[in-house]
Amino acid sequence: MKQKRYNQEFKQTIVELYRTGTSVSVLSREYGVSEVTIYKWVKALTPIENSGGLTPTEIAEIQKENPRLQQEVEILKKAMTIFARK
């Protein structure tokens, strides 16, 4: 069975409909998305308390980007010491 791909806008629309009171079973039937998938989207797009309003997806993106940024800072520190000597 071929896995369907949904864009972020579609996912957010479904989650907003859920938040306005439409049941997951109705959304599932109407849009052809499994109930489990809708619940996963709701979980992924719901901000975590005490995280500054970030969703789990946004937190994962930040954690993924963090090592790259740390590496850039280290490179810039080394460059600063080289230029400071001249």
N, C-alpha and C. Protein backbone atom coordinates (compact mmCIF):
# COMPACT_ATOMS: atom_id res chain seq x y z
N MET A 1 0.83 -1.17 0.00
CA MET A 1 0.00 0.00 0.00
C MET A 1 0.88 1.25 0.00
N LYS A 2 0.57 2.20 -0.88
CA LYS A 2 1.36 3.41 -0.99
C LYS A 2 1.05 4.37 0.15
N GLN A 3 2.09 4.90 0.76
CA GLN A 3 1.92 5.84 1.88
C GLN A 3 1.58 7.22 1.32
N LYS A 4 0.55 7.85 1.87
CA LYS A 4 0.15 9.18 1.43
C LYS A 4 1.00 10.22 2.13
N ARG A 5 1.28 11.30 1.44
CA ARG A 5 2.03 12.42 2.01
C ARG A 5 1.09 13.63 2.08
N TYR A 6 1.08 14.29 3.20
CA TYR A 6 0.24 15.46 3.39
C TYR A 6 1.14 16.65 3.70
N ASN A 7 0.81 17.80 3.12
CA ASN A 7 1.64 18.98 3.39
C ASN A 7 1.28 19.57 4.75
N GLN A 8 2.15 20.45 5.23
CA GLN A 8 2.00 21.01 6.57
C GLN A 8 0.71 21.81 6.70
N GLU A 9 0.32 22.52 5.65
CA GLU A 9 -0.90 23.32 5.69
C GLU A 9 -2.14 22.44 5.89
N PHE A 10 -2.18 21.30 5.20
CA PHE A 10 -3.29 20.37 5.34
C PHE A 10 -3.36 19.84 6.77
N LYS A 11 -2.21 19.47 7.32
CA LYS A 11 -2.16 18.96 8.69
C LYS A 11 -2.66 20.00 9.68
N GLN A 12 -2.22 21.24 9.51
CA GLN A 12 -2.65 22.30 10.42
C GLN A 12 -4.15 22.55 10.30
N THR A 13 -4.67 22.45 9.09
CA THR A 13 -6.11 22.64 8.90
C THR A 13 -6.90 21.57 9.64
N ILE A 14 -6.47 20.33 9.53
CA ILE A 14 -7.15 19.22 10.21
C ILE A 14 -7.08 19.43 11.73
N VAL A 15 -5.92 19.82 12.24
CA VAL A 15 -5.76 20.04 13.68
C VAL A 15 -6.65 21.19 14.14
N GLU A 16 -6.72 22.25 13.36
CA GLU A 16 -7.59 23.38 13.73
C GLU A 16 -9.06 22.96 13.75
N LEU A 17 -9.47 22.15 12.78
CA LEU A 17 -10.85 21.65 12.77
C LEU A 17 -11.12 20.80 14.02
N TYR A 18 -10.13 19.99 14.41
CA TYR A 18 -10.25 19.18 15.62
C TYR A 18 -10.40 20.08 16.85
N ARG A 19 -9.59 21.14 16.91
CA ARG A 19 -9.62 22.04 18.06
C ARG A 19 -10.93 22.83 18.15
N THR A 20 -11.59 23.02 17.01
CA THR A 20 -12.86 23.75 17.03
C THR A 20 -14.03 22.85 17.39
N GLY A 21 -13.76 21.57 17.59
CA GLY A 21 -14.81 20.69 18.08
C GLY A 21 -15.23 19.57 17.16
N THR A 22 -14.69 19.50 15.96
CA THR A 22 -15.01 18.41 15.06
C THR A 22 -14.34 17.14 15.57
N SER A 23 -15.10 16.06 15.64
CA SER A 23 -14.54 14.82 16.18
C SER A 23 -13.55 14.19 15.20
N VAL A 24 -12.64 13.43 15.75
CA VAL A 24 -11.62 12.77 14.94
C VAL A 24 -12.26 11.79 13.97
N SER A 25 -13.29 11.09 14.40
CA SER A 25 -13.93 10.12 13.51
C SER A 25 -14.56 10.81 12.30
N VAL A 26 -15.16 11.98 12.51
CA VAL A 26 -15.76 12.73 11.39
C VAL A 26 -14.65 13.23 10.45
N LEU A 27 -13.59 13.77 11.02
CA LEU A 27 -12.47 14.24 10.19
C LEU A 27 -11.86 13.09 9.39
N SER A 28 -11.74 11.95 10.04
CA SER A 28 -11.16 10.78 9.39
C SER A 28 -11.99 10.36 8.17
N ARG A 29 -13.29 10.29 8.37
CA ARG A 29 -14.17 9.90 7.26
C ARG A 29 -14.18 10.95 6.16
N GLU A 30 -14.26 12.21 6.55
CA GLU A 30 -14.40 13.29 5.58
C GLU A 30 -13.16 13.49 4.72
N TYR A 31 -11.98 13.37 5.33
CA TYR A 31 -10.73 13.67 4.62
C TYR A 31 -9.92 12.43 4.25
N GLY A 32 -10.37 11.26 4.66
CA GLY A 32 -9.67 10.03 4.29
C GLY A 32 -8.34 9.84 4.98
N VAL A 33 -8.23 10.35 6.20
CA VAL A 33 -7.01 10.22 6.99
C VAL A 33 -7.34 9.35 8.19
N SER A 34 -6.44 8.44 8.54
CA SER A 34 -6.74 7.57 9.67
C SER A 34 -6.81 8.36 10.98
N GLU A 35 -7.58 7.85 11.91
CA GLU A 35 -7.74 8.51 13.21
C GLU A 35 -6.41 8.59 13.94
N VAL A 36 -5.62 7.54 13.86
CA VAL A 36 -4.31 7.52 14.54
C VAL A 36 -3.42 8.63 14.00
N THR A 37 -3.45 8.82 12.68
CA THR A 37 -2.65 9.87 12.06
C THR A 37 -3.08 11.25 12.55
N ILE A 38 -4.38 11.47 12.65
CA ILE A 38 -4.89 12.76 13.13
C ILE A 38 -4.43 13.00 14.56
N TYR A 39 -4.53 11.97 15.40
CA TYR A 39 -4.07 12.13 16.79
C TYR A 39 -2.58 12.45 16.85
N LYS A 40 -1.79 11.85 15.96
CA LYS A 40 -0.35 12.15 15.91
C LYS A 40 -0.12 13.60 15.52
N TRP A 41 -0.88 14.09 14.54
CA TRP A 41 -0.75 15.48 14.12
C TRP A 41 -1.12 16.43 15.24
N VAL A 42 -2.19 16.10 15.97
CA VAL A 42 -2.62 16.95 17.08
C VAL A 42 -1.51 17.01 18.12
N LYS A 43 -0.93 15.88 18.44
CA LYS A 43 0.14 15.84 19.43
C LYS A 43 1.36 16.63 18.95
N ALA A 44 1.72 16.46 17.68
CA ALA A 44 2.90 17.12 17.13
C ALA A 44 2.72 18.63 17.01
N LEU A 45 1.50 19.08 16.80
CA LEU A 45 1.25 20.50 16.57
C LEU A 45 0.69 21.23 17.80
N THR A 46 0.68 20.56 18.94
CA THR A 46 0.22 21.18 20.17
C THR A 46 1.43 21.64 20.97
N PRO A 47 1.47 22.93 21.31
CA PRO A 47 2.62 23.44 22.08
C PRO A 47 2.76 22.73 23.43
N ILE A 48 4.00 22.52 23.82
CA ILE A 48 4.30 21.89 25.10
C ILE A 48 4.34 22.98 26.16
N GLU A 49 3.75 22.72 27.32
CA GLU A 49 3.79 23.70 28.41
C GLU A 49 5.22 23.94 28.84
N ASN A 50 5.50 25.16 29.26
CA ASN A 50 6.82 25.58 29.74
C ASN A 50 7.90 25.46 28.68
N SER A 51 7.53 25.52 27.40
CA SER A 51 8.53 25.47 26.34
C SER A 51 8.49 26.72 25.48
N GLY A 52 7.80 27.73 25.97
CA GLY A 52 7.71 28.96 25.20
C GLY A 52 6.74 28.84 24.03
N GLY A 53 5.83 27.90 24.09
CA GLY A 53 4.85 27.73 23.02
C GLY A 53 5.35 26.92 21.85
N LEU A 54 6.44 26.20 22.02
CA LEU A 54 6.98 25.38 20.94
C LEU A 54 6.30 24.03 20.89
N THR A 55 6.15 23.52 19.68
CA THR A 55 5.58 22.18 19.49
C THR A 55 6.72 21.16 19.51
N PRO A 56 6.40 19.88 19.71
CA PRO A 56 7.45 18.86 19.67
C PRO A 56 8.23 18.86 18.36
N THR A 57 7.56 19.15 17.26
CA THR A 57 8.22 19.19 15.95
C THR A 57 9.23 20.33 15.91
N GLU A 58 8.85 21.51 16.41
CA GLU A 58 9.76 22.64 16.43
C GLU A 58 10.95 22.39 17.35
N ILE A 59 10.71 21.76 18.47
CA ILE A 59 11.80 21.42 19.39
C ILE A 59 12.79 20.47 18.73
N ALA A 60 12.29 19.49 18.01
CA ALA A 60 13.16 18.54 17.31
C ALA A 60 14.00 19.25 16.25
N GLU A 61 13.41 20.20 15.54
CA GLU A 61 14.16 20.96 14.54
C GLU A 61 15.26 21.78 15.18
N ILE A 62 14.96 22.39 16.32
CA ILE A 62 15.96 23.19 17.03
C ILE A 62 17.09 22.30 17.52
N GLN A 63 16.76 21.15 18.06
CA GLN A 63 17.80 20.24 18.55
C GLN A 63 18.67 19.74 17.41
N LYS A 64 18.08 19.57 16.24
CA LYS A 64 18.83 19.12 15.07
C LYS A 64 19.79 20.21 14.58
N GLU A 65 19.36 21.46 14.66
CA GLU A 65 20.16 22.58 14.19
C GLU A 65 21.24 22.99 15.19
N ASN A 66 21.04 22.73 16.46
CA ASN A 66 21.94 23.17 17.51
C ASN A 66 23.40 22.72 17.31
N PRO A 67 23.70 21.46 17.01
CA PRO A 67 25.11 21.08 16.84
C PRO A 67 25.80 21.84 15.70
N ARG A 68 25.07 22.11 14.63
CA ARG A 68 25.65 22.85 13.52
C ARG A 68 26.00 24.28 13.95
N LEU A 69 25.12 24.90 14.71
CA LEU A 69 25.38 26.25 15.18
C LEU A 69 26.54 26.29 16.16
N GLN A 70 26.65 25.27 17.02
CA GLN A 70 27.77 25.20 17.96
C GLN A 70 29.09 25.08 17.19
N GLN A 71 29.08 24.30 16.12
CA GLN A 71 30.28 24.13 15.30
C GLN A 71 30.66 25.47 14.64
N GLU A 72 29.68 26.20 14.16
CA GLU A 72 29.94 27.51 13.56
C GLU A 72 30.56 28.46 14.57
N VAL A 73 30.07 28.44 15.80
CA VAL A 73 30.61 29.31 16.85
C VAL A 73 32.07 28.96 17.12
N GLU A 74 32.38 27.68 17.18
CA GLU A 74 33.76 27.26 17.42
C GLU A 74 34.67 27.72 16.29
N ILE A 75 34.22 27.62 15.06
CA ILE A 75 35.01 28.07 13.90
C ILE A 75 35.26 29.57 14.00
N LEU A 76 34.23 30.31 14.35
CA LEU A 76 34.37 31.77 14.46
C LEU A 76 35.33 32.15 15.60
N LYS A 77 35.29 31.41 16.70
CA LYS A 77 36.22 31.67 17.81
C LYS A 77 37.66 31.46 17.35
N LYS A 78 37.90 30.38 16.60
CA LYS A 78 39.24 30.10 16.11
C LYS A 78 39.70 31.18 15.14
N ALA A 79 38.79 31.63 14.28
CA ALA A 79 39.12 32.69 13.33
C ALA A 79 39.44 33.98 14.06
N MET A 80 38.71 34.26 15.12
CA MET A 80 38.94 35.47 15.91
C MET A 80 40.36 35.47 16.50
N THR A 81 40.79 34.33 17.02
CA THR A 81 42.12 34.25 17.62
C THR A 81 43.20 34.43 16.54
N ILE A 82 42.95 33.91 15.34
CA ILE A 82 43.92 34.04 14.25
C ILE A 82 44.04 35.51 13.84
N PHE A 83 42.91 36.18 13.69
CA PHE A 83 42.94 37.60 13.28
C PHE A 83 43.45 38.50 14.40
N ALA A 84 43.26 38.12 15.65
CA ALA A 84 43.73 38.92 16.79
C ALA A 84 45.25 38.94 16.84
N ARG A 85 45.89 37.90 16.38
CA ARG A 85 47.35 37.80 16.39
C ARG A 85 47.98 38.76 15.38
N LYS A 86 47.28 39.04 14.30
CA LYS A 86 47.87 39.87 13.22
C LYS A 86 47.85 41.33 13.52
